[in-house]
PDB file of all heavy atoms in Angstrom:
ATOM      1  N   VAL A   1     -56.911 -48.935  -4.322  1.00  0.00           N
ATOM      2  CA  VAL A   1     -55.765 -49.801  -4.586  1.00  0.00           C
ATOM      3  C   VAL A   1     -55.053 -50.075  -3.268  1.00  0.00           C
ATOM      4  O   VAL A   1     -55.016 -49.217  -2.382  1.00  0.00           O
ATOM      5  CB  VAL A   1     -54.802 -49.153  -5.618  1.00  0.00           C
ATOM      6  CG1 VAL A   1     -54.251 -47.823  -5.108  1.00  0.00           C
ATOM      7  CG2 VAL A   1     -53.680 -50.095  -6.003  1.00  0.00           C
ATOM      8  N   THR A   2     -54.525 -51.295  -3.111  1.00  0.00           N
ATOM      9  CA  THR A   2     -53.835 -51.675  -1.885  1.00  0.00           C
ATOM     10  C   THR A   2     -52.467 -52.253  -2.208  1.00  0.00           C
ATOM     11  O   THR A   2     -52.233 -52.747  -3.320  1.00  0.00           O
ATOM     12  CB  THR A   2     -54.635 -52.721  -1.072  1.00  0.00           C
ATOM     13  OG1 THR A   2     -54.328 -54.047  -1.542  1.00  0.00           O
ATOM     14  CG2 THR A   2     -56.127 -52.479  -1.164  1.00  0.00           C
ATOM     15  N   SER A   3     -51.568 -52.204  -1.228  1.00  0.00           N
ATOM     16  CA  SER A   3     -50.256 -52.822  -1.397  1.00  0.00           C
ATOM     17  C   SER A   3     -49.729 -53.243  -0.030  1.00  0.00           C
ATOM     18  O   SER A   3     -50.225 -52.799   1.011  1.00  0.00           O
ATOM     19  CB  SER A   3     -49.273 -51.860  -2.073  1.00  0.00           C
ATOM     20  OG  SER A   3     -48.080 -52.535  -2.428  1.00  0.00           O
ATOM     21  N   HIS A   4     -48.725 -54.116  -0.048  1.00  0.00           N
ATOM     22  CA  HIS A   4     -48.168 -54.670   1.175  1.00  0.00           C
ATOM     23  C   HIS A   4     -46.639 -54.738   1.059  1.00  0.00           C
ATOM     24  O   HIS A   4     -46.096 -54.608  -0.036  1.00  0.00           O
ATOM     25  CB  HIS A   4     -48.736 -56.065   1.440  1.00  0.00           C
ATOM     26  CG  HIS A   4     -50.232 -56.085   1.581  1.00  0.00           C
ATOM     27  ND1 HIS A   4     -51.074 -55.898   0.511  1.00  0.00           N
ATOM     28  CD2 HIS A   4     -51.031 -56.247   2.654  1.00  0.00           C
ATOM     29  CE1 HIS A   4     -52.327 -55.935   0.915  1.00  0.00           C
ATOM     30  NE2 HIS A   4     -52.333 -56.146   2.217  1.00  0.00           N
ATOM     31  N   GLY A   5     -45.980 -54.950   2.191  1.00  0.00           N
ATOM     32  CA  GLY A   5     -44.530 -55.060   2.169  1.00  0.00           C
ATOM     33  C   GLY A   5     -43.841 -53.707   2.268  1.00  0.00           C
ATOM     34  O   GLY A   5     -44.488 -52.643   2.278  1.00  0.00           O
ATOM     35  N   LEU A   6     -42.511 -53.743   2.307  1.00  0.00           N
ATOM     36  CA  LEU A   6     -41.740 -52.523   2.512  1.00  0.00           C
ATOM     37  C   LEU A   6     -41.817 -51.560   1.330  1.00  0.00           C
ATOM     38  O   LEU A   6     -41.538 -50.372   1.481  1.00  0.00           O
ATOM     39  CB  LEU A   6     -40.271 -52.876   2.791  1.00  0.00           C
ATOM     40  CG  LEU A   6     -40.001 -53.567   4.140  1.00  0.00           C
ATOM     41  CD1 LEU A   6     -38.519 -53.891   4.287  1.00  0.00           C
ATOM     42  CD2 LEU A   6     -40.471 -52.700   5.308  1.00  0.00           C
ATOM     43  N   ASN A   7     -42.202 -52.057   0.169  1.00  0.00           N
ATOM     44  CA  ASN A   7     -42.303 -51.182  -1.001  1.00  0.00           C
ATOM     45  C   ASN A   7     -43.723 -50.672  -1.227  1.00  0.00           C
ATOM     46  O   ASN A   7     -43.989 -50.014  -2.237  1.00  0.00           O
ATOM     47  CB  ASN A   7     -41.814 -51.921  -2.258  1.00  0.00           C
ATOM     48  CG  ASN A   7     -41.420 -50.967  -3.368  1.00  0.00           C
ATOM     49  OD1 ASN A   7     -40.848 -49.901  -3.121  1.00  0.00           O
ATOM     50  ND2 ASN A   7     -41.723 -51.329  -4.602  1.00  0.00           N
ATOM     51  N   ALA A   8     -44.613 -50.959  -0.288  1.00  0.00           N
ATOM     52  CA  ALA A   8     -46.019 -50.596  -0.473  1.00  0.00           C
ATOM     53  C   ALA A   8     -46.236 -49.113  -0.762  1.00  0.00           C
ATOM     54  O   ALA A   8     -46.949 -48.771  -1.722  1.00  0.00           O
ATOM     55  CB  ALA A   8     -46.837 -51.037   0.741  1.00  0.00           C
ATOM     56  N   PRO A   9     -45.672 -48.196   0.013  1.00  0.00           N
ATOM     57  CA  PRO A   9     -45.935 -46.777  -0.293  1.00  0.00           C
ATOM     58  C   PRO A   9     -45.477 -46.378  -1.690  1.00  0.00           C
ATOM     59  O   PRO A   9     -46.160 -45.614  -2.375  1.00  0.00           O
ATOM     60  CB  PRO A   9     -45.147 -46.036   0.793  1.00  0.00           C
ATOM     61  CG  PRO A   9     -45.017 -47.007   1.909  1.00  0.00           C
ATOM     62  CD  PRO A   9     -44.872 -48.339   1.245  1.00  0.00           C
ATOM     63  N   ASN A  10     -44.328 -46.905  -2.127  1.00  0.00           N
ATOM     64  CA  ASN A  10     -43.840 -46.572  -3.464  1.00  0.00           C
ATOM     65  C   ASN A  10     -44.758 -47.132  -4.548  1.00  0.00           C
ATOM     66  O   ASN A  10     -45.027 -46.461  -5.548  1.00  0.00           O
ATOM     67  CB  ASN A  10     -42.420 -47.113  -3.655  1.00  0.00           C
ATOM     68  CG  ASN A  10     -41.390 -46.300  -2.897  1.00  0.00           C
ATOM     69  OD1 ASN A  10     -41.458 -45.074  -2.858  1.00  0.00           O
ATOM     70  ND2 ASN A  10     -40.444 -46.970  -2.276  1.00  0.00           N
ATOM     71  N   MET A  11     -45.236 -48.370  -4.348  1.00  0.00           N
ATOM     72  CA  MET A  11     -46.144 -48.951  -5.336  1.00  0.00           C
ATOM     73  C   MET A  11     -47.448 -48.162  -5.408  1.00  0.00           C
ATOM     74  O   MET A  11     -48.027 -47.982  -6.487  1.00  0.00           O
ATOM     75  CB  MET A  11     -46.434 -50.410  -4.997  1.00  0.00           C
ATOM     76  CG  MET A  11     -45.279 -51.351  -5.272  1.00  0.00           C
ATOM     77  SD  MET A  11     -44.758 -51.368  -7.014  1.00  0.00           S
ATOM     78  CE  MET A  11     -46.224 -52.039  -7.816  1.00  0.00           C
ATOM     79  N   LEU A  12     -47.911 -47.674  -4.273  1.00  0.00           N
ATOM     80  CA  LEU A  12     -49.149 -46.897  -4.262  1.00  0.00           C
ATOM     81  C   LEU A  12     -48.945 -45.520  -4.901  1.00  0.00           C
ATOM     82  O   LEU A  12     -49.826 -45.026  -5.614  1.00  0.00           O
ATOM     83  CB  LEU A  12     -49.675 -46.772  -2.838  1.00  0.00           C
ATOM     84  CG  LEU A  12     -50.137 -48.098  -2.221  1.00  0.00           C
ATOM     85  CD1 LEU A  12     -50.508 -47.916  -0.759  1.00  0.00           C
ATOM     86  CD2 LEU A  12     -51.315 -48.692  -2.990  1.00  0.00           C
ATOM     87  N   LEU A  13     -47.796 -44.932  -4.669  1.00  0.00           N
ATOM     88  CA  LEU A  13     -47.483 -43.678  -5.354  1.00  0.00           C
ATOM     89  C   LEU A  13     -47.459 -43.889  -6.864  1.00  0.00           C
ATOM     90  O   LEU A  13     -47.986 -43.081  -7.631  1.00  0.00           O
ATOM     91  CB  LEU A  13     -46.124 -43.144  -4.877  1.00  0.00           C
ATOM     92  CG  LEU A  13     -46.115 -42.425  -3.534  1.00  0.00           C
ATOM     93  CD1 LEU A  13     -44.684 -42.282  -3.021  1.00  0.00           C
ATOM     94  CD2 LEU A  13     -46.763 -41.046  -3.660  1.00  0.00           C
ATOM     95  N   HIS A  14     -46.857 -44.989  -7.272  1.00  0.00           N
ATOM     96  CA  HIS A  14     -46.801 -45.345  -8.691  1.00  0.00           C
ATOM     97  C   HIS A  14     -48.206 -45.525  -9.250  1.00  0.00           C
ATOM     98  O   HIS A  14     -48.522 -45.071 -10.358  1.00  0.00           O
ATOM     99  CB  HIS A  14     -45.983 -46.634  -8.837  1.00  0.00           C
ATOM    100  CG  HIS A  14     -45.601 -46.988 -10.230  1.00  0.00           C
ATOM    101  ND1 HIS A  14     -45.345 -46.053 -11.211  1.00  0.00           N
ATOM    102  CD2 HIS A  14     -45.427 -48.209 -10.834  1.00  0.00           C
ATOM    103  CE1 HIS A  14     -45.026 -46.667 -12.347  1.00  0.00           C
ATOM    104  NE2 HIS A  14     -45.083 -47.967 -12.142  1.00  0.00           N
ATOM    105  N   SER A  15     -49.071 -46.167  -8.476  1.00  0.00           N
ATOM    106  CA  SER A  15     -50.450 -46.394  -8.908  1.00  0.00           C
ATOM    107  C   SER A  15     -51.212 -45.074  -9.036  1.00  0.00           C
ATOM    108  O   SER A  15     -51.986 -44.879  -9.983  1.00  0.00           O
ATOM    109  CB  SER A  15     -51.161 -47.319  -7.919  1.00  0.00           C
ATOM    110  OG  SER A  15     -50.554 -48.598  -7.900  1.00  0.00           O
ATOM    111  N   LEU A  16     -51.003 -44.170  -8.087  1.00  0.00           N
ATOM    112  CA  LEU A  16     -51.692 -42.879  -8.138  1.00  0.00           C
ATOM    113  C   LEU A  16     -51.175 -42.002  -9.269  1.00  0.00           C
ATOM    114  O   LEU A  16     -51.893 -41.112  -9.748  1.00  0.00           O
ATOM    115  CB  LEU A  16     -51.549 -42.156  -6.796  1.00  0.00           C
ATOM    116  CG  LEU A  16     -52.340 -42.753  -5.629  1.00  0.00           C
ATOM    117  CD1 LEU A  16     -51.983 -42.057  -4.328  1.00  0.00           C
ATOM    118  CD2 LEU A  16     -53.842 -42.681  -5.881  1.00  0.00           C
ATOM    119  N   GLU A  17     -49.940 -42.241  -9.701  1.00  0.00           N
ATOM    120  CA  GLU A  17     -49.431 -41.541 -10.877  1.00  0.00           C
ATOM    121  C   GLU A  17     -50.138 -42.020 -12.142  1.00  0.00           C
ATOM    122  O   GLU A  17     -50.349 -41.247 -13.080  1.00  0.00           O
ATOM    123  CB  GLU A  17     -47.922 -41.777 -11.011  1.00  0.00           C
ATOM    124  CG  GLU A  17     -47.086 -41.071  -9.959  1.00  0.00           C
ATOM    125  CD  GLU A  17     -45.635 -41.524  -9.983  1.00  0.00           C
ATOM    126  OE1 GLU A  17     -45.301 -42.413 -10.812  1.00  0.00           O
ATOM    127  OE2 GLU A  17     -44.843 -41.008  -9.182  1.00  0.00           O
ATOM    128  N   ARG A  18     -50.515 -43.299 -12.145  1.00  0.00           N
ATOM    129  CA  ARG A  18     -51.168 -43.883 -13.319  1.00  0.00           C
ATOM    130  C   ARG A  18     -52.664 -43.586 -13.355  1.00  0.00           C
ATOM    131  O   ARG A  18     -53.227 -43.364 -14.416  1.00  0.00           O
ATOM    132  CB  ARG A  18     -50.943 -45.403 -13.311  1.00  0.00           C
ATOM    133  CG  ARG A  18     -51.706 -46.186 -14.376  1.00  0.00           C
ATOM    134  CD  ARG A  18     -51.254 -45.839 -15.791  1.00  0.00           C
ATOM    135  NE  ARG A  18     -51.961 -46.644 -16.774  1.00  0.00           N
ATOM    136  CZ  ARG A  18     -53.183 -46.377 -17.247  1.00  0.00           C
ATOM    137  NH1 ARG A  18     -53.822 -45.300 -16.811  1.00  0.00           N
ATOM    138  NH2 ARG A  18     -53.746 -47.160 -18.138  1.00  0.00           N
ATOM    139  N   PHE A  19     -53.315 -43.586 -12.175  1.00  0.00           N
ATOM    140  CA  PHE A  19     -54.763 -43.400 -12.122  1.00  0.00           C
ATOM    141  C   PHE A  19     -55.145 -42.742 -10.805  1.00  0.00           C
ATOM    142  O   PHE A  19     -54.538 -43.010  -9.766  1.00  0.00           O
ATOM    143  CB  PHE A  19     -55.481 -44.751 -12.271  1.00  0.00           C
ATOM    144  CG  PHE A  19     -56.970 -44.639 -12.241  1.00  0.00           C
ATOM    145  CD1 PHE A  19     -57.661 -44.185 -13.354  1.00  0.00           C
ATOM    146  CD2 PHE A  19     -57.687 -44.963 -11.092  1.00  0.00           C
ATOM    147  CE1 PHE A  19     -59.056 -44.061 -13.321  1.00  0.00           C
ATOM    148  CE2 PHE A  19     -59.066 -44.842 -11.063  1.00  0.00           C
ATOM    149  CZ  PHE A  19     -59.750 -44.384 -12.187  1.00  0.00           C
ATOM    150  N   ASP A  20     -56.168 -41.922 -10.850  1.00  0.00           N
ATOM    151  CA  ASP A  20     -56.583 -41.159  -9.672  1.00  0.00           C
ATOM    152  C   ASP A  20     -57.546 -41.980  -8.815  1.00  0.00           C
ATOM    153  O   ASP A  20     -58.752 -41.738  -8.782  1.00  0.00           O
ATOM    154  CB  ASP A  20     -57.236 -39.859 -10.112  1.00  0.00           C
ATOM    155  CG  ASP A  20     -57.420 -38.869  -8.975  1.00  0.00           C
ATOM    156  OD1 ASP A  20     -56.702 -39.001  -7.961  1.00  0.00           O
ATOM    157  OD2 ASP A  20     -58.263 -37.971  -9.104  1.00  0.00           O
ATOM    158  N   PHE A  21     -57.004 -42.952  -8.095  1.00  0.00           N
ATOM    159  CA  PHE A  21     -57.817 -43.792  -7.217  1.00  0.00           C
ATOM    160  C   PHE A  21     -58.406 -42.962  -6.076  1.00  0.00           C
ATOM    161  O   PHE A  21     -57.854 -41.929  -5.686  1.00  0.00           O
ATOM    162  CB  PHE A  21     -56.971 -44.930  -6.640  1.00  0.00           C
ATOM    163  CG  PHE A  21     -56.623 -46.000  -7.639  1.00  0.00           C
ATOM    164  CD1 PHE A  21     -55.373 -46.018  -8.253  1.00  0.00           C
ATOM    165  CD2 PHE A  21     -57.532 -47.000  -7.958  1.00  0.00           C
ATOM    166  CE1 PHE A  21     -55.050 -46.993  -9.177  1.00  0.00           C
ATOM    167  CE2 PHE A  21     -57.216 -47.982  -8.875  1.00  0.00           C
ATOM    168  CZ  PHE A  21     -55.971 -47.987  -9.496  1.00  0.00           C
ATOM    169  N   ASP A  22     -59.507 -43.465  -5.510  1.00  0.00           N
ATOM    170  CA  ASP A  22     -60.182 -42.768  -4.410  1.00  0.00           C
ATOM    171  C   ASP A  22     -59.634 -43.142  -3.039  1.00  0.00           C
ATOM    172  O   ASP A  22     -59.872 -42.421  -2.061  1.00  0.00           O
ATOM    173  CB  ASP A  22     -61.685 -43.085  -4.441  1.00  0.00           C
ATOM    174  CG  ASP A  22     -62.337 -42.625  -5.724  1.00  0.00           C
ATOM    175  OD1 ASP A  22     -62.317 -41.404  -5.997  1.00  0.00           O
ATOM    176  OD2 ASP A  22     -62.854 -43.480  -6.481  1.00  0.00           O
ATOM    177  N   SER A  23     -58.944 -44.291  -2.955  1.00  0.00           N
ATOM    178  CA  SER A  23     -58.422 -44.720  -1.654  1.00  0.00           C
ATOM    179  C   SER A  23     -57.188 -45.577  -1.842  1.00  0.00           C
ATOM    180  O   SER A  23     -56.969 -46.179  -2.901  1.00  0.00           O
ATOM    181  CB  SER A  23     -59.483 -45.516  -0.872  1.00  0.00           C
ATOM    182  OG  SER A  23     -59.676 -46.789  -1.478  1.00  0.00           O
ATOM    183  N   VAL A  24     -56.379 -45.621  -0.787  1.00  0.00           N
ATOM    184  CA  VAL A  24     -55.231 -46.519  -0.725  1.00  0.00           C
ATOM    185  C   VAL A  24     -55.275 -47.251   0.612  1.00  0.00           C
ATOM    186  O   VAL A  24     -55.904 -46.791   1.575  1.00  0.00           O
ATOM    187  CB  VAL A  24     -53.883 -45.778  -0.869  1.00  0.00           C
ATOM    188  CG1 VAL A  24     -53.758 -45.137  -2.245  1.00  0.00           C
ATOM    189  CG2 VAL A  24     -53.712 -44.727   0.230  1.00  0.00           C
TER     190      VAL A  24
END
């Protein structure tokens, strides 16, 4: 999963809470 912008780390944390992705 990827994200951009100043909120990117938070969105990725949110994504990892939902599903155990292999990479960010």
